[in-house]
Amino acid sequence: MLQITYLTFCILGTILPYSQFILFLMEHGFDFQLFFEQLFSNRIASFSAMDLIVSSVIFWTFVFVEGRRLEMKNLWIYIVSNLLVGVSLALPLFLLMRERKQQQKHNYQFNS
């Protein structure tokens, strides 16, 4: 059940941010200068952007520490998903795969 919840969050975490990003691209194209101007256009936007940047760095640390502890492979996937979509996809994706890894270890220990 928890895996279905994480998967649902992955889907929502991709669709909701990209619904806004696609509208920006349709209106302005790949104007990254305008993108960053709007990202930091006022104090509230800057607050949100800084929060996401700090959260991302914390998440990357968590991925490498916890991923190595659990001997998870391809940890770079979570960093790339964070950069391409955001924490809204990367965090539930990592938690989903972490849950699967923990279940595999539990099943291996139970069957041994």
N, C-alpha and C. Protein backbone atom coordinates (compact mmCIF):
# COMPACT_ATOMS: atom_id res chain seq x y z
N MET A 1 0.82 -1.20 0.00
CA MET A 1 0.00 0.00 0.00
C MET A 1 0.86 1.27 0.00
N LEU A 2 1.95 1.25 0.79
CA LEU A 2 2.84 2.40 0.84
C LEU A 2 3.49 2.64 -0.52
N GLN A 3 3.82 1.58 -1.23
CA GLN A 3 4.43 1.73 -2.55
C GLN A 3 3.46 2.39 -3.53
N ILE A 4 2.20 2.06 -3.45
CA ILE A 4 1.19 2.68 -4.32
C ILE A 4 1.07 4.17 -3.99
N THR A 5 1.15 4.50 -2.71
CA THR A 5 1.09 5.90 -2.29
C THR A 5 2.28 6.67 -2.86
N TYR A 6 3.49 6.11 -2.73
CA TYR A 6 4.68 6.77 -3.27
C TYR A 6 4.59 6.91 -4.79
N LEU A 7 4.09 5.88 -5.46
CA LEU A 7 3.95 5.96 -6.91
C LEU A 7 2.95 7.05 -7.30
N THR A 8 1.87 7.16 -6.57
CA THR A 8 0.87 8.22 -6.81
C THR A 8 1.51 9.59 -6.63
N PHE A 9 2.32 9.74 -5.58
CA PHE A 9 3.02 11.00 -5.36
C PHE A 9 4.00 11.31 -6.49
N CYS A 10 4.65 10.27 -7.03
CA CYS A 10 5.56 10.48 -8.18
C CYS A 10 4.79 11.05 -9.36
N ILE A 11 3.64 10.49 -9.63
CA ILE A 11 2.82 10.94 -10.76
C ILE A 11 2.36 12.38 -10.54
N LEU A 12 1.80 12.64 -9.37
CA LEU A 12 1.35 14.00 -9.07
C LEU A 12 2.52 14.98 -9.04
N GLY A 13 3.65 14.53 -8.50
CA GLY A 13 4.83 15.37 -8.40
C GLY A 13 5.46 15.70 -9.73
N THR A 14 5.08 14.97 -10.77
CA THR A 14 5.53 15.28 -12.12
C THR A 14 4.49 16.12 -12.85
N ILE A 15 3.25 15.71 -12.79
CA ILE A 15 2.18 16.37 -13.53
C ILE A 15 1.94 17.81 -13.06
N LEU A 16 1.85 18.01 -11.76
CA LEU A 16 1.49 19.34 -11.26
C LEU A 16 2.56 20.40 -11.58
N PRO A 17 3.84 20.16 -11.28
CA PRO A 17 4.83 21.20 -11.66
C PRO A 17 4.93 21.39 -13.17
N TYR A 18 4.91 20.29 -13.91
CA TYR A 18 5.07 20.41 -15.36
C TYR A 18 3.86 21.06 -16.02
N SER A 19 2.70 21.00 -15.39
CA SER A 19 1.54 21.68 -15.96
C SER A 19 1.80 23.18 -16.05
N GLN A 20 2.56 23.72 -15.11
CA GLN A 20 2.91 25.14 -15.13
C GLN A 20 4.11 25.41 -16.03
N PHE A 21 5.09 24.52 -15.99
CA PHE A 21 6.29 24.71 -16.80
C PHE A 21 5.98 24.64 -18.30
N ILE A 22 5.10 23.75 -18.68
CA ILE A 22 4.71 23.62 -20.09
C ILE A 22 4.01 24.89 -20.57
N LEU A 23 3.16 25.46 -19.71
CA LEU A 23 2.50 26.72 -20.08
C LEU A 23 3.52 27.83 -20.27
N PHE A 24 4.53 27.87 -19.40
CA PHE A 24 5.60 28.86 -19.56
C PHE A 24 6.30 28.65 -20.90
N LEU A 25 6.65 27.39 -21.21
CA LEU A 25 7.34 27.10 -22.48
C LEU A 25 6.48 27.46 -23.68
N MET A 26 5.21 27.20 -23.61
CA MET A 26 4.31 27.53 -24.72
C MET A 26 4.24 29.04 -24.94
N GLU A 27 4.31 29.79 -23.85
CA GLU A 27 4.20 31.24 -23.95
C GLU A 27 5.53 31.91 -24.29
N HIS A 28 6.64 31.39 -23.72
CA HIS A 28 7.92 32.09 -23.84
C HIS A 28 9.03 31.27 -24.50
N GLY A 29 8.77 29.99 -24.77
CA GLY A 29 9.83 29.14 -25.30
C GLY A 29 10.89 28.87 -24.25
N PHE A 30 12.09 28.53 -24.71
CA PHE A 30 13.19 28.23 -23.80
C PHE A 30 13.95 29.49 -23.42
N ASP A 31 13.24 30.45 -22.87
CA ASP A 31 13.83 31.71 -22.44
C ASP A 31 14.25 31.56 -20.98
N PHE A 32 15.47 31.03 -20.78
CA PHE A 32 15.91 30.74 -19.42
C PHE A 32 16.24 32.01 -18.63
N GLN A 33 16.61 33.06 -19.32
CA GLN A 33 16.83 34.33 -18.62
C GLN A 33 15.52 34.80 -17.99
N LEU A 34 14.43 34.76 -18.76
CA LEU A 34 13.12 35.15 -18.23
C LEU A 34 12.69 34.18 -17.13
N PHE A 35 12.97 32.90 -17.31
CA PHE A 35 12.62 31.90 -16.30
C PHE A 35 13.24 32.28 -14.96
N PHE A 36 14.54 32.58 -14.94
CA PHE A 36 15.20 32.92 -13.68
C PHE A 36 14.79 34.30 -13.17
N GLU A 37 14.49 35.22 -14.07
CA GLU A 37 13.97 36.52 -13.63
C GLU A 37 12.65 36.33 -12.89
N GLN A 38 11.76 35.50 -13.46
CA GLN A 38 10.47 35.27 -12.82
C GLN A 38 10.61 34.43 -11.55
N LEU A 39 11.57 33.52 -11.54
CA LEU A 39 11.79 32.67 -10.38
C LEU A 39 12.15 33.51 -9.16
N PHE A 40 12.89 34.61 -9.38
CA PHE A 40 13.30 35.49 -8.29
C PHE A 40 12.70 36.89 -8.43
N SER A 41 11.48 36.96 -8.97
CA SER A 41 10.87 38.25 -9.29
C SER A 41 10.41 39.04 -8.07
N ASN A 42 10.15 38.39 -6.96
CA ASN A 42 9.75 39.08 -5.74
C ASN A 42 10.17 38.25 -4.53
N ARG A 43 9.93 38.75 -3.36
CA ARG A 43 10.41 38.08 -2.15
C ARG A 43 9.73 36.72 -1.93
N ILE A 44 8.48 36.61 -2.26
CA ILE A 44 7.78 35.33 -2.08
C ILE A 44 8.28 34.29 -3.07
N ALA A 45 8.47 34.69 -4.32
CA ALA A 45 9.02 33.77 -5.31
C ALA A 45 10.44 33.37 -4.91
N SER A 46 11.24 34.32 -4.45
CA SER A 46 12.60 34.03 -4.00
C SER A 46 12.59 33.09 -2.80
N PHE A 47 11.67 33.31 -1.88
CA PHE A 47 11.52 32.44 -0.72
C PHE A 47 11.28 30.99 -1.17
N SER A 48 10.35 30.82 -2.11
CA SER A 48 10.04 29.48 -2.60
C SER A 48 11.23 28.86 -3.33
N ALA A 49 11.89 29.64 -4.15
CA ALA A 49 13.04 29.14 -4.90
C ALA A 49 14.17 28.73 -3.96
N MET A 50 14.47 29.57 -2.97
CA MET A 50 15.53 29.24 -2.00
C MET A 50 15.16 28.00 -1.19
N ASP A 51 13.92 27.89 -0.82
CA ASP A 51 13.46 26.72 -0.07
C ASP A 51 13.67 25.44 -0.88
N LEU A 52 13.33 25.49 -2.17
CA LEU A 52 13.51 24.32 -3.03
C LEU A 52 14.97 24.00 -3.27
N ILE A 53 15.81 25.02 -3.40
CA ILE A 53 17.23 24.77 -3.60
C ILE A 53 17.83 24.11 -2.37
N VAL A 54 17.54 24.64 -1.20
CA VAL A 54 18.06 24.06 0.04
C VAL A 54 17.50 22.65 0.24
N SER A 55 16.22 22.46 -0.01
CA SER A 55 15.60 21.13 0.12
C SER A 55 16.25 20.14 -0.83
N SER A 56 16.59 20.57 -2.02
CA SER A 56 17.24 19.70 -2.99
C SER A 56 18.61 19.25 -2.51
N VAL A 57 19.39 20.17 -1.99
CA VAL A 57 20.73 19.82 -1.50
C VAL A 57 20.62 18.85 -0.32
N ILE A 58 19.68 19.09 0.57
CA ILE A 58 19.45 18.17 1.69
C ILE A 58 19.03 16.81 1.17
N PHE A 59 18.15 16.80 0.18
CA PHE A 59 17.69 15.54 -0.40
C PHE A 59 18.84 14.78 -1.03
N TRP A 60 19.73 15.46 -1.76
CA TRP A 60 20.88 14.79 -2.39
C TRP A 60 21.75 14.12 -1.33
N THR A 61 21.96 14.81 -0.22
CA THR A 61 22.75 14.24 0.88
C THR A 61 22.07 12.98 1.40
N PHE A 62 20.77 13.06 1.61
CA PHE A 62 19.99 11.91 2.09
C PHE A 62 20.08 10.74 1.12
N VAL A 63 19.97 11.02 -0.16
CA VAL A 63 20.04 9.97 -1.18
C VAL A 63 21.36 9.23 -1.09
N PHE A 64 22.46 9.96 -1.03
CA PHE A 64 23.77 9.30 -1.03
C PHE A 64 24.05 8.58 0.29
N VAL A 65 23.65 9.16 1.40
CA VAL A 65 23.89 8.50 2.70
C VAL A 65 23.00 7.27 2.85
N GLU A 66 21.72 7.44 2.66
CA GLU A 66 20.78 6.33 2.85
C GLU A 66 20.91 5.30 1.73
N GLY A 67 21.12 5.76 0.51
CA GLY A 67 21.27 4.85 -0.62
C GLY A 67 22.48 3.95 -0.47
N ARG A 68 23.58 4.51 -0.03
CA ARG A 68 24.78 3.69 0.20
C ARG A 68 24.59 2.74 1.37
N ARG A 69 23.93 3.23 2.41
CA ARG A 69 23.68 2.38 3.58
C ARG A 69 22.88 1.14 3.20
N LEU A 70 21.90 1.33 2.32
CA LEU A 70 21.04 0.22 1.89
C LEU A 70 21.58 -0.50 0.66
N GLU A 71 22.74 -0.04 0.16
CA GLU A 71 23.37 -0.62 -1.02
C GLU A 71 22.46 -0.53 -2.25
N MET A 72 21.80 0.62 -2.40
CA MET A 72 20.96 0.88 -3.56
C MET A 72 21.86 1.25 -4.74
N LYS A 73 21.42 0.90 -5.93
CA LYS A 73 22.19 1.19 -7.13
C LYS A 73 21.59 2.39 -7.87
N ASN A 74 22.39 2.96 -8.77
CA ASN A 74 21.93 4.05 -9.65
C ASN A 74 21.37 5.25 -8.89
N LEU A 75 22.06 5.68 -7.88
CA LEU A 75 21.59 6.80 -7.07
C LEU A 75 21.50 8.10 -7.88
N TRP A 76 22.24 8.17 -8.98
CA TRP A 76 22.22 9.37 -9.82
C TRP A 76 20.83 9.63 -10.41
N ILE A 77 20.02 8.59 -10.54
CA ILE A 77 18.67 8.75 -11.11
C ILE A 77 17.84 9.73 -10.28
N TYR A 78 17.99 9.69 -8.97
CA TYR A 78 17.20 10.56 -8.10
C TYR A 78 17.66 12.01 -8.20
N ILE A 79 18.95 12.20 -8.41
CA ILE A 79 19.47 13.57 -8.59
C ILE A 79 18.98 14.13 -9.92
N VAL A 80 19.05 13.32 -10.98
CA VAL A 80 18.57 13.77 -12.29
C VAL A 80 17.07 14.07 -12.25
N SER A 81 16.29 13.21 -11.60
CA SER A 81 14.85 13.47 -11.51
C SER A 81 14.57 14.73 -10.72
N ASN A 82 15.41 15.02 -9.74
CA ASN A 82 15.28 16.27 -8.98
C ASN A 82 15.58 17.47 -9.87
N LEU A 83 16.60 17.36 -10.70
CA LEU A 83 16.96 18.48 -11.56
C LEU A 83 15.99 18.67 -12.73
N LEU A 84 15.43 17.58 -13.25
CA LEU A 84 14.51 17.68 -14.39
C LEU A 84 13.08 18.02 -14.00
N VAL A 85 12.65 17.58 -12.83
CA VAL A 85 11.29 17.85 -12.38
C VAL A 85 11.31 18.60 -11.06
N GLY A 86 11.89 18.00 -10.04
CA GLY A 86 11.95 18.65 -8.73
C GLY A 86 11.87 17.64 -7.61
N VAL A 87 11.92 18.17 -6.41
CA VAL A 87 11.82 17.33 -5.22
C VAL A 87 10.47 16.59 -5.21
N SER A 88 9.48 17.17 -5.83
CA SER A 88 8.14 16.58 -5.85
C SER A 88 8.10 15.23 -6.57
N LEU A 89 9.03 14.98 -7.46
CA LEU A 89 9.16 13.66 -8.09
C LEU A 89 10.28 12.87 -7.41
N ALA A 90 11.42 13.49 -7.22
CA ALA A 90 12.61 12.76 -6.77
C ALA A 90 12.44 12.14 -5.39
N LEU A 91 11.83 12.85 -4.46
CA LEU A 91 11.68 12.32 -3.10
C LEU A 91 10.75 11.10 -3.06
N PRO A 92 9.54 11.17 -3.61
CA PRO A 92 8.72 9.96 -3.56
C PRO A 92 9.30 8.81 -4.38
N LEU A 93 10.01 9.12 -5.46
CA LEU A 93 10.66 8.07 -6.25
C LEU A 93 11.73 7.37 -5.41
N PHE A 94 12.55 8.14 -4.73
CA PHE A 94 13.57 7.54 -3.87
C PHE A 94 12.92 6.73 -2.75
N LEU A 95 11.89 7.27 -2.12
CA LEU A 95 11.22 6.54 -1.03
C LEU A 95 10.57 5.25 -1.54
N LEU A 96 10.04 5.28 -2.75
CA LEU A 96 9.46 4.08 -3.35
C LEU A 96 10.52 3.01 -3.52
N MET A 97 11.65 3.39 -4.12
CA MET A 97 12.71 2.42 -4.37
C MET A 97 13.38 1.98 -3.07
N ARG A 98 13.45 2.85 -2.11
CA ARG A 98 13.98 2.50 -0.79
C ARG A 98 13.08 1.48 -0.11
N GLU A 99 11.79 1.68 -0.21
CA GLU A 99 10.82 0.74 0.36
C GLU A 99 10.96 -0.64 -0.30
N ARG A 100 11.11 -0.64 -1.62
CA ARG A 100 11.30 -1.92 -2.34
C ARG A 100 12.58 -2.61 -1.89
N LYS A 101 13.65 -1.85 -1.74
CA LYS A 101 14.94 -2.41 -1.31
C LYS A 101 14.82 -3.00 0.09
N GLN A 102 14.15 -2.30 0.97
CA GLN A 102 13.97 -2.79 2.34
C GLN A 102 13.13 -4.06 2.36
N GLN A 103 12.12 -4.13 1.51
CA GLN A 103 11.31 -5.35 1.42
C GLN A 103 12.12 -6.51 0.88
N GLN A 104 12.98 -6.25 -0.11
CA GLN A 104 13.85 -7.30 -0.64
C GLN A 104 14.76 -7.85 0.45
N LYS A 105 15.36 -6.97 1.24
CA LYS A 105 16.24 -7.41 2.31
C LYS A 105 15.45 -8.20 3.35
N HIS A 106 14.26 -7.72 3.66
CA HIS A 106 13.42 -8.42 4.63
C HIS A 106 13.03 -9.80 4.13
N ASN A 107 12.62 -9.89 2.85
CA ASN A 107 12.24 -11.18 2.27
C ASN A 107 13.43 -12.13 2.20
N TYR A 108 14.62 -11.61 1.91
CA TYR A 108 15.83 -12.43 1.83
C TYR A 108 16.16 -12.98 3.23
N GLN A 109 16.06 -12.13 4.24
CA GLN A 109 16.34 -12.57 5.61
C GLN A 109 15.30 -13.57 6.08
N PHE A 110 14.06 -13.37 5.70
CA PHE A 110 12.96 -14.25 6.11
C PHE A 110 13.11 -15.63 5.46
N ASN A 111 13.53 -15.66 4.18
CA ASN A 111 13.65 -16.92 3.46
C ASN A 111 14.95 -17.66 3.75
N SER A 112 15.92 -16.99 4.35
CA SER A 112 17.21 -17.65 4.62
C SER A 112 17.18 -18.46 5.90
